Amino acid sequence: MTAAGAAYGEAMLIAFSVAPTVAADDTGSVSDAVARAIRVVRDAGLPHRTDAMFTTIEGEWDECMAVVKQCCDVLAETSPRVGLVLKADIRPGWTGELDGKLERLEDALGRQQDD
């Protein structure tokens, strides 16, 4: 197995957004559908964080991709079409990056402020 191939068995971050392409009502809201997907994320037990635009999960490739697939499947139960945006940070040897990346960013901001 190559070094790149081995990376898929290690921790990674996946930021994704999943939503039905058809809104539930004339307001255009997809909140109820997205809440069903977020329930899948929370039930998966992986470290995660949700903000207004994306949900980020941390885990190994197969477990992260399984969560993303299950979120899409849940939405497909009630929508004829599902949209998915996904970004992955595959960095072998690094774990705890859901918080670690933010801590390093805050440290950098603090150093710049001191300059």
N, C-alpha and C. Protein backbone atom coordinates (compact mmCIF):
# COMPACT_ATOMS: atom_id res chain seq x y z
N MET A 1 0.84 -1.17 0.00
CA MET A 1 0.00 0.00 0.00
C MET A 1 0.89 1.24 0.00
N THR A 2 0.50 2.23 -0.77
CA THR A 2 1.28 3.46 -0.83
C THR A 2 0.99 4.32 0.40
N ALA A 3 1.84 5.31 0.61
CA ALA A 3 1.60 6.22 1.73
C ALA A 3 0.26 6.92 1.59
N ALA A 4 -0.08 7.29 0.37
CA ALA A 4 -1.38 7.94 0.14
C ALA A 4 -2.52 6.97 0.44
N GLY A 5 -2.36 5.72 0.05
CA GLY A 5 -3.39 4.72 0.32
C GLY A 5 -3.58 4.49 1.80
N ALA A 6 -2.48 4.53 2.54
CA ALA A 6 -2.55 4.33 3.99
C ALA A 6 -3.29 5.48 4.65
N ALA A 7 -3.25 6.66 4.06
CA ALA A 7 -3.90 7.84 4.65
C ALA A 7 -5.39 7.65 4.81
N TYR A 8 -5.99 6.86 3.96
CA TYR A 8 -7.43 6.69 4.03
C TYR A 8 -7.87 5.90 5.26
N GLY A 9 -6.95 5.24 5.92
CA GLY A 9 -7.28 4.52 7.14
C GLY A 9 -7.07 5.36 8.39
N GLU A 10 -6.60 6.59 8.21
CA GLU A 10 -6.32 7.46 9.34
C GLU A 10 -7.39 8.53 9.48
N ALA A 11 -7.31 9.28 10.56
CA ALA A 11 -8.28 10.33 10.81
C ALA A 11 -8.23 11.40 9.72
N MET A 12 -9.39 11.91 9.41
CA MET A 12 -9.52 12.97 8.42
C MET A 12 -10.70 13.84 8.82
N LEU A 13 -10.74 15.01 8.23
CA LEU A 13 -11.89 15.90 8.41
C LEU A 13 -12.67 15.93 7.11
N ILE A 14 -13.98 15.87 7.23
CA ILE A 14 -14.85 16.07 6.07
C ILE A 14 -15.86 17.13 6.44
N ALA A 15 -15.86 18.21 5.67
CA ALA A 15 -16.87 19.25 5.80
C ALA A 15 -17.87 19.02 4.67
N PHE A 16 -19.15 18.91 5.02
CA PHE A 16 -20.13 18.67 3.97
C PHE A 16 -21.43 19.40 4.26
N SER A 17 -22.14 19.62 3.18
CA SER A 17 -23.46 20.21 3.24
C SER A 17 -24.36 19.35 2.38
N VAL A 18 -25.47 18.93 2.93
CA VAL A 18 -26.40 18.09 2.19
C VAL A 18 -27.80 18.67 2.38
N ALA A 19 -28.55 18.74 1.30
CA ALA A 19 -29.90 19.30 1.38
C ALA A 19 -30.73 18.78 0.21
N PRO A 20 -32.05 18.70 0.43
CA PRO A 20 -32.92 18.34 -0.68
C PRO A 20 -32.95 19.50 -1.67
N THR A 21 -33.14 19.21 -2.92
CA THR A 21 -33.20 20.28 -3.91
C THR A 21 -34.60 20.87 -4.02
N VAL A 22 -35.54 20.26 -3.31
CA VAL A 22 -36.92 20.75 -3.29
C VAL A 22 -37.26 21.15 -1.86
N ALA A 23 -37.66 22.40 -1.68
CA ALA A 23 -38.02 22.89 -0.34
C ALA A 23 -39.34 22.28 0.11
N ALA A 24 -39.52 22.24 1.42
CA ALA A 24 -40.72 21.64 2.00
C ALA A 24 -41.95 22.53 1.83
N ASP A 25 -41.73 23.85 1.69
CA ASP A 25 -42.86 24.76 1.57
C ASP A 25 -42.45 25.98 0.75
N ASP A 26 -43.36 26.95 0.65
CA ASP A 26 -43.09 28.12 -0.19
C ASP A 26 -42.10 29.10 0.41
N THR A 27 -41.64 28.88 1.65
CA THR A 27 -40.61 29.74 2.23
C THR A 27 -39.22 29.38 1.74
N GLY A 28 -39.09 28.20 1.14
CA GLY A 28 -37.79 27.74 0.68
C GLY A 28 -36.97 27.05 1.75
N SER A 29 -37.52 26.88 2.93
CA SER A 29 -36.79 26.29 4.05
C SER A 29 -36.54 24.79 3.83
N VAL A 30 -35.36 24.37 4.20
CA VAL A 30 -35.02 22.95 4.19
C VAL A 30 -34.59 22.50 5.59
N SER A 31 -34.93 23.29 6.60
CA SER A 31 -34.48 23.03 7.97
C SER A 31 -34.88 21.66 8.49
N ASP A 32 -36.12 21.25 8.27
CA ASP A 32 -36.57 19.95 8.78
C ASP A 32 -35.77 18.81 8.14
N ALA A 33 -35.54 18.91 6.85
CA ALA A 33 -34.76 17.87 6.16
C ALA A 33 -33.33 17.84 6.66
N VAL A 34 -32.72 19.01 6.78
CA VAL A 34 -31.34 19.09 7.25
C VAL A 34 -31.25 18.56 8.68
N ALA A 35 -32.26 18.82 9.49
CA ALA A 35 -32.26 18.30 10.87
C ALA A 35 -32.23 16.77 10.88
N ARG A 36 -32.90 16.14 9.92
CA ARG A 36 -32.84 14.67 9.84
C ARG A 36 -31.42 14.21 9.53
N ALA A 37 -30.73 14.94 8.67
CA ALA A 37 -29.34 14.58 8.35
C ALA A 37 -28.43 14.81 9.55
N ILE A 38 -28.63 15.89 10.27
CA ILE A 38 -27.81 16.17 11.44
C ILE A 38 -28.04 15.13 12.53
N ARG A 39 -29.24 14.62 12.63
CA ARG A 39 -29.51 13.53 13.59
C ARG A 39 -28.65 12.32 13.25
N VAL A 40 -28.49 12.02 11.97
CA VAL A 40 -27.63 10.92 11.54
C VAL A 40 -26.20 11.17 12.01
N VAL A 41 -25.71 12.39 11.82
CA VAL A 41 -24.35 12.75 12.24
C VAL A 41 -24.19 12.56 13.74
N ARG A 42 -25.12 13.07 14.50
CA ARG A 42 -25.02 12.98 15.96
C ARG A 42 -25.09 11.54 16.44
N ASP A 43 -25.95 10.76 15.82
CA ASP A 43 -26.08 9.35 16.21
C ASP A 43 -24.85 8.53 15.84
N ALA A 44 -24.07 9.00 14.87
CA ALA A 44 -22.88 8.26 14.43
C ALA A 44 -21.79 8.24 15.51
N GLY A 45 -21.78 9.24 16.38
CA GLY A 45 -20.81 9.27 17.46
C GLY A 45 -19.44 9.80 17.10
N LEU A 46 -19.25 10.29 15.90
CA LEU A 46 -17.96 10.88 15.51
C LEU A 46 -17.88 12.30 16.03
N PRO A 47 -16.66 12.78 16.30
CA PRO A 47 -16.52 14.20 16.63
C PRO A 47 -17.09 15.02 15.46
N HIS A 48 -17.86 16.05 15.78
CA HIS A 48 -18.48 16.83 14.72
C HIS A 48 -18.77 18.26 15.19
N ARG A 49 -18.98 19.12 14.22
CA ARG A 49 -19.35 20.51 14.49
C ARG A 49 -20.24 20.95 13.33
N THR A 50 -21.34 21.61 13.65
CA THR A 50 -22.25 22.12 12.63
C THR A 50 -22.32 23.63 12.74
N ASP A 51 -22.24 24.30 11.60
CA ASP A 51 -22.45 25.75 11.58
C ASP A 51 -23.53 26.06 10.54
N ALA A 52 -23.71 27.29 10.20
CA ALA A 52 -24.80 27.69 9.31
C ALA A 52 -24.68 27.11 7.90
N MET A 53 -23.48 26.74 7.49
CA MET A 53 -23.29 26.29 6.11
C MET A 53 -22.84 24.84 5.96
N PHE A 54 -22.09 24.31 6.92
CA PHE A 54 -21.51 22.98 6.79
C PHE A 54 -21.54 22.23 8.11
N THR A 55 -21.43 20.93 8.01
CA THR A 55 -21.15 20.08 9.15
C THR A 55 -19.79 19.45 8.89
N THR A 56 -18.93 19.48 9.89
CA THR A 56 -17.61 18.86 9.78
C THR A 56 -17.56 17.67 10.72
N ILE A 57 -17.10 16.54 10.19
CA ILE A 57 -16.94 15.34 11.01
C ILE A 57 -15.49 14.90 10.93
N GLU A 58 -15.05 14.18 11.97
CA GLU A 58 -13.68 13.67 12.00
C GLU A 58 -13.72 12.18 12.27
N GLY A 59 -12.98 11.44 11.46
CA GLY A 59 -12.90 9.99 11.63
C GLY A 59 -12.10 9.40 10.49
N GLU A 60 -12.15 8.09 10.38
CA GLU A 60 -11.48 7.42 9.27
C GLU A 60 -12.35 7.51 8.02
N TRP A 61 -11.70 7.35 6.86
CA TRP A 61 -12.36 7.49 5.57
C TRP A 61 -13.69 6.74 5.51
N ASP A 62 -13.65 5.43 5.78
CA ASP A 62 -14.86 4.61 5.62
C ASP A 62 -15.98 5.04 6.56
N GLU A 63 -15.65 5.38 7.80
CA GLU A 63 -16.71 5.78 8.73
C GLU A 63 -17.27 7.15 8.37
N CYS A 64 -16.41 8.08 7.93
CA CYS A 64 -16.91 9.40 7.52
C CYS A 64 -17.78 9.29 6.27
N MET A 65 -17.32 8.55 5.28
CA MET A 65 -18.09 8.42 4.05
C MET A 65 -19.41 7.69 4.29
N ALA A 66 -19.42 6.77 5.24
CA ALA A 66 -20.67 6.07 5.58
C ALA A 66 -21.68 7.05 6.17
N VAL A 67 -21.23 7.98 6.99
CA VAL A 67 -22.12 8.98 7.58
C VAL A 67 -22.66 9.89 6.48
N VAL A 68 -21.81 10.34 5.59
CA VAL A 68 -22.25 11.21 4.49
C VAL A 68 -23.28 10.48 3.63
N LYS A 69 -23.01 9.23 3.31
CA LYS A 69 -23.95 8.45 2.50
C LYS A 69 -25.29 8.30 3.22
N GLN A 70 -25.25 8.01 4.51
CA GLN A 70 -26.49 7.83 5.26
C GLN A 70 -27.28 9.14 5.31
N CYS A 71 -26.61 10.27 5.43
CA CYS A 71 -27.29 11.56 5.40
C CYS A 71 -27.99 11.77 4.06
N CYS A 72 -27.30 11.45 2.98
CA CYS A 72 -27.91 11.57 1.65
C CYS A 72 -29.10 10.62 1.52
N ASP A 73 -28.95 9.40 2.01
CA ASP A 73 -30.03 8.42 1.94
C ASP A 73 -31.27 8.89 2.70
N VAL A 74 -31.07 9.47 3.87
CA VAL A 74 -32.19 9.95 4.68
C VAL A 74 -32.96 11.04 3.93
N LEU A 75 -32.24 11.93 3.29
CA LEU A 75 -32.91 12.99 2.55
C LEU A 75 -33.58 12.47 1.29
N ALA A 76 -32.98 11.48 0.66
CA ALA A 76 -33.55 10.90 -0.56
C ALA A 76 -34.88 10.18 -0.29
N GLU A 77 -35.13 9.85 0.96
CA GLU A 77 -36.41 9.21 1.30
C GLU A 77 -37.59 10.14 1.04
N THR A 78 -37.37 11.45 1.11
CA THR A 78 -38.47 12.41 0.95
C THR A 78 -38.23 13.44 -0.14
N SER A 79 -37.14 13.34 -0.85
CA SER A 79 -36.83 14.30 -1.90
C SER A 79 -36.42 13.57 -3.16
N PRO A 80 -36.88 14.03 -4.32
CA PRO A 80 -36.50 13.37 -5.56
C PRO A 80 -35.05 13.63 -5.98
N ARG A 81 -34.42 14.59 -5.30
CA ARG A 81 -33.05 14.95 -5.65
C ARG A 81 -32.37 15.52 -4.42
N VAL A 82 -31.09 15.18 -4.23
CA VAL A 82 -30.32 15.63 -3.06
C VAL A 82 -29.04 16.29 -3.56
N GLY A 83 -28.71 17.44 -2.99
CA GLY A 83 -27.46 18.11 -3.32
C GLY A 83 -26.43 17.88 -2.22
N LEU A 84 -25.19 17.62 -2.62
CA LEU A 84 -24.11 17.37 -1.67
C LEU A 84 -22.89 18.17 -2.08
N VAL A 85 -22.32 18.90 -1.11
CA VAL A 85 -21.04 19.58 -1.27
C VAL A 85 -20.12 18.98 -0.22
N LEU A 86 -18.93 18.57 -0.63
CA LEU A 86 -18.03 17.88 0.30
C LEU A 86 -16.60 18.37 0.11
N LYS A 87 -15.92 18.61 1.22
CA LYS A 87 -14.50 18.98 1.21
C LYS A 87 -13.81 18.13 2.26
N ALA A 88 -12.69 17.53 1.91
CA ALA A 88 -11.98 16.65 2.83
C ALA A 88 -10.55 17.14 3.06
N ASP A 89 -10.10 16.99 4.30
CA ASP A 89 -8.71 17.28 4.67
C ASP A 89 -8.10 15.95 5.10
N ILE A 90 -7.30 15.38 4.22
CA ILE A 90 -6.67 14.08 4.46
C ILE A 90 -5.21 14.37 4.82
N ARG A 91 -4.88 14.22 6.10
CA ARG A 91 -3.54 14.58 6.58
C ARG A 91 -3.03 13.46 7.48
N PRO A 92 -2.29 12.52 6.91
CA PRO A 92 -1.81 11.38 7.69
C PRO A 92 -1.02 11.80 8.93
N GLY A 93 -1.30 11.09 10.02
CA GLY A 93 -0.57 11.33 11.26
C GLY A 93 -1.18 12.38 12.16
N TRP A 94 -2.23 13.04 11.73
CA TRP A 94 -2.84 14.10 12.53
C TRP A 94 -4.22 13.66 12.98
N THR A 95 -4.49 13.80 14.27
CA THR A 95 -5.82 13.53 14.82
C THR A 95 -6.22 14.71 15.69
N GLY A 96 -7.48 14.78 16.06
CA GLY A 96 -7.95 15.88 16.89
C GLY A 96 -7.96 17.20 16.16
N GLU A 97 -8.05 17.16 14.85
CA GLU A 97 -7.94 18.38 14.06
C GLU A 97 -9.22 19.22 14.04
N LEU A 98 -10.33 18.65 14.46
CA LEU A 98 -11.56 19.43 14.53
C LEU A 98 -11.34 20.64 15.44
N ASP A 99 -10.60 20.44 16.51
CA ASP A 99 -10.25 21.54 17.41
C ASP A 99 -8.83 22.04 17.17
N GLY A 100 -7.93 21.15 16.80
CA GLY A 100 -6.52 21.51 16.64
C GLY A 100 -6.29 22.61 15.61
N LYS A 101 -6.98 22.54 14.48
CA LYS A 101 -6.81 23.56 13.44
C LYS A 101 -7.25 24.93 13.95
N LEU A 102 -8.35 24.96 14.70
CA LEU A 102 -8.84 26.23 15.24
C LEU A 102 -7.90 26.78 16.30
N GLU A 103 -7.34 25.90 17.14
CA GLU A 103 -6.40 26.35 18.16
C GLU A 103 -5.17 26.97 17.52
N ARG A 104 -4.64 26.34 16.46
CA ARG A 104 -3.46 26.90 15.78
C ARG A 104 -3.79 28.23 15.10
N LEU A 105 -5.00 28.36 14.57
CA LEU A 105 -5.42 29.62 13.96
C LEU A 105 -5.50 30.73 15.00
N GLU A 106 -6.12 30.43 16.15
CA GLU A 106 -6.22 31.43 17.22
C GLU A 106 -4.83 31.83 17.73
N ASP A 107 -3.92 30.86 17.84
CA ASP A 107 -2.55 31.17 18.24
C ASP A 107 -1.89 32.12 17.24
N ALA A 108 -2.07 31.85 15.96
CA ALA A 108 -1.49 32.69 14.91
C ALA A 108 -2.07 34.10 14.97
N LEU A 109 -3.38 34.19 15.18
CA LEU A 109 -4.00 35.52 15.30
C LEU A 109 -3.46 36.27 16.51
N GLY A 110 -3.26 35.56 17.61
CA GLY A 110 -2.70 36.19 18.80
C GLY A 110 -1.29 36.70 18.57
N ARG A 111 -0.48 35.89 17.87
CA ARG A 111 0.90 36.34 17.56
C ARG A 111 0.90 37.56 16.65
N GLN A 112 0.01 37.58 15.69
CA GLN A 112 -0.05 38.73 14.77
C GLN A 112 -0.51 39.99 15.48
N GLN A 113 -1.39 39.83 16.43
CA GLN A 113 -1.89 40.96 17.20
C GLN A 113 -0.78 41.55 18.06
N ASP A 114 0.12 40.69 18.53
CA ASP A 114 1.23 41.13 19.37
C ASP A 114 2.30 41.85 18.57
N ASP A 115 2.34 41.64 17.25
CA ASP A 115 3.38 42.26 16.41
C ASP A 115 3.16 43.74 16.21
